[in-house]
Amino acid sequence: MSFSTSILTFLSVASVYIVFTFAWGWYKGRQEQDERETDQDAQHATTGGGDH
């Protein structure tokens, strides 16, 4: 295996890990945001919905 082939293999594997990491972070961020919105909706439902 030549040196350039080794570099290309490394870069392709690294790019898969990078894409997976960003996708996982985006997914977890969306999940946490949805949980916060759900918690805020529950608080509004129990407190009467807002300031008076």
N, C-alpha and C. Protein backbone atom coordinates (compact mmCIF):
# COMPACT_ATOMS: atom_id res chain seq x y z
N MET A 1 0.85 -1.16 0.00
CA MET A 1 0.00 0.00 0.00
C MET A 1 0.91 1.23 0.00
N SER A 2 0.64 2.13 -0.91
CA SER A 2 1.49 3.31 -1.01
C SER A 2 1.11 4.33 0.06
N PHE A 3 1.99 5.30 0.21
CA PHE A 3 1.80 6.33 1.24
C PHE A 3 0.54 7.15 0.96
N SER A 4 0.31 7.52 -0.30
CA SER A 4 -0.86 8.33 -0.64
C SER A 4 -2.16 7.55 -0.41
N THR A 5 -2.13 6.25 -0.66
CA THR A 5 -3.31 5.43 -0.40
C THR A 5 -3.59 5.35 1.10
N SER A 6 -2.54 5.27 1.88
CA SER A 6 -2.69 5.24 3.34
C SER A 6 -3.29 6.55 3.85
N ILE A 7 -2.83 7.66 3.29
CA ILE A 7 -3.37 8.97 3.70
C ILE A 7 -4.84 9.08 3.31
N LEU A 8 -5.19 8.67 2.11
CA LEU A 8 -6.58 8.73 1.68
C LEU A 8 -7.48 7.83 2.53
N THR A 9 -6.99 6.67 2.89
CA THR A 9 -7.75 5.78 3.76
C THR A 9 -7.97 6.42 5.12
N PHE A 10 -6.90 6.99 5.67
CA PHE A 10 -7.02 7.66 6.96
C PHE A 10 -8.02 8.81 6.90
N LEU A 11 -7.93 9.64 5.87
CA LEU A 11 -8.83 10.79 5.75
C LEU A 11 -10.28 10.35 5.56
N SER A 12 -10.50 9.28 4.83
CA SER A 12 -11.87 8.82 4.64
C SER A 12 -12.46 8.28 5.95
N VAL A 13 -11.66 7.53 6.71
CA VAL A 13 -12.14 7.01 7.99
C VAL A 13 -12.36 8.16 8.97
N ALA A 14 -11.44 9.11 9.00
CA ALA A 14 -11.58 10.27 9.88
C ALA A 14 -12.82 11.07 9.53
N SER A 15 -13.10 11.24 8.25
CA SER A 15 -14.28 12.01 7.85
C SER A 15 -15.57 11.32 8.27
N VAL A 16 -15.58 9.99 8.24
CA VAL A 16 -16.77 9.26 8.72
C VAL A 16 -16.99 9.53 10.20
N TYR A 17 -15.91 9.49 11.00
CA TYR A 17 -16.04 9.77 12.43
C TYR A 17 -16.48 11.22 12.68
N ILE A 18 -15.96 12.15 11.91
CA ILE A 18 -16.32 13.57 12.08
C ILE A 18 -17.79 13.78 11.74
N VAL A 19 -18.25 13.22 10.64
CA VAL A 19 -19.65 13.36 10.25
C VAL A 19 -20.56 12.72 11.30
N PHE A 20 -20.18 11.55 11.78
CA PHE A 20 -20.98 10.89 12.81
C PHE A 20 -21.05 11.73 14.08
N THR A 21 -19.91 12.33 14.47
CA THR A 21 -19.89 13.15 15.68
C THR A 21 -20.79 14.37 15.54
N PHE A 22 -20.72 15.07 14.42
CA PHE A 22 -21.59 16.22 14.21
C PHE A 22 -23.07 15.83 14.15
N ALA A 23 -23.36 14.71 13.49
CA ALA A 23 -24.75 14.25 13.41
C ALA A 23 -25.27 13.88 14.80
N TRP A 24 -24.45 13.22 15.61
CA TRP A 24 -24.84 12.84 16.96
C TRP A 24 -25.07 14.08 17.82
N GLY A 25 -24.18 15.06 17.71
CA GLY A 25 -24.34 16.30 18.46
C GLY A 25 -25.59 17.05 18.06
N TRP A 26 -25.88 17.09 16.77
CA TRP A 26 -27.09 17.75 16.29
C TRP A 26 -28.33 17.04 16.83
N TYR A 27 -28.31 15.71 16.77
CA TYR A 27 -29.44 14.93 17.26
C TYR A 27 -29.68 15.15 18.75
N LYS A 28 -28.60 15.10 19.54
CA LYS A 28 -28.73 15.30 20.99
C LYS A 28 -29.17 16.72 21.30
N GLY A 29 -28.69 17.68 20.56
CA GLY A 29 -29.11 19.07 20.75
C GLY A 29 -30.59 19.24 20.47
N ARG A 30 -31.07 18.62 19.41
CA ARG A 30 -32.50 18.69 19.09
C ARG A 30 -33.32 18.00 20.18
N GLN A 31 -32.82 16.88 20.67
CA GLN A 31 -33.53 16.13 21.70
C GLN A 31 -33.64 16.96 22.98
N GLU A 32 -32.56 17.61 23.38
CA GLU A 32 -32.58 18.45 24.58
C GLU A 32 -33.49 19.65 24.40
N GLN A 33 -33.47 20.23 23.19
CA GLN A 33 -34.33 21.38 22.92
C GLN A 33 -35.80 20.97 22.99
N ASP A 34 -36.14 19.81 22.45
CA ASP A 34 -37.51 19.33 22.52
C ASP A 34 -37.93 19.08 23.97
N GLU A 35 -37.01 18.55 24.78
CA GLU A 35 -37.33 18.31 26.20
C GLU A 35 -37.55 19.62 26.93
N ARG A 36 -36.74 20.65 26.62
CA ARG A 36 -36.93 21.95 27.27
C ARG A 36 -38.27 22.56 26.89
N GLU A 37 -38.64 22.45 25.59
CA GLU A 37 -39.92 22.99 25.16
C GLU A 37 -41.06 22.25 25.84
N THR A 38 -40.94 20.95 25.99
CA THR A 38 -41.96 20.15 26.66
C THR A 38 -42.08 20.57 28.13
N ASP A 39 -40.92 20.78 28.79
CA ASP A 39 -40.93 21.22 30.19
C ASP A 39 -41.56 22.60 30.32
N GLN A 40 -41.25 23.50 29.41
CA GLN A 40 -41.83 24.85 29.45
C GLN A 40 -43.33 24.79 29.22
N ASP A 41 -43.78 23.94 28.30
CA ASP A 41 -45.21 23.80 28.07
C ASP A 41 -45.90 23.26 29.31
N ALA A 42 -45.27 22.32 30.00
CA ALA A 42 -45.86 21.75 31.21
C ALA A 42 -45.92 22.81 32.31
N GLN A 43 -44.90 23.65 32.41
CA GLN A 43 -44.91 24.71 33.42
C GLN A 43 -46.01 25.72 33.13
N HIS A 44 -46.20 26.07 31.87
CA HIS A 44 -47.26 27.01 31.51
C HIS A 44 -48.63 26.41 31.80
N ALA A 45 -48.76 25.15 31.61
CA ALA A 45 -50.05 24.50 31.85
C ALA A 45 -50.36 24.46 33.35
N THR A 46 -49.35 24.32 34.19
CA THR A 46 -49.60 24.23 35.64
C THR A 46 -49.68 25.60 36.29
N THR A 47 -49.06 26.63 35.71
CA THR A 47 -49.05 27.95 36.34
C THR A 47 -50.12 28.86 35.78
N GLY A 48 -50.86 28.42 34.83
CA GLY A 48 -51.93 29.25 34.29
C GLY A 48 -51.57 29.91 32.99
N GLY A 49 -50.37 29.74 32.52
CA GLY A 49 -50.07 30.18 31.17
C GLY A 49 -49.30 31.46 31.02
N GLY A 50 -48.97 32.17 32.08
CA GLY A 50 -48.15 33.35 31.86
C GLY A 50 -48.30 34.40 32.94
N ASP A 51 -47.74 35.56 32.67
CA ASP A 51 -47.77 36.67 33.62
C ASP A 51 -49.11 37.37 33.57
N HIS A 52 -49.51 37.92 34.73
CA HIS A 52 -50.77 38.65 34.78
C HIS A 52 -50.52 40.09 35.11
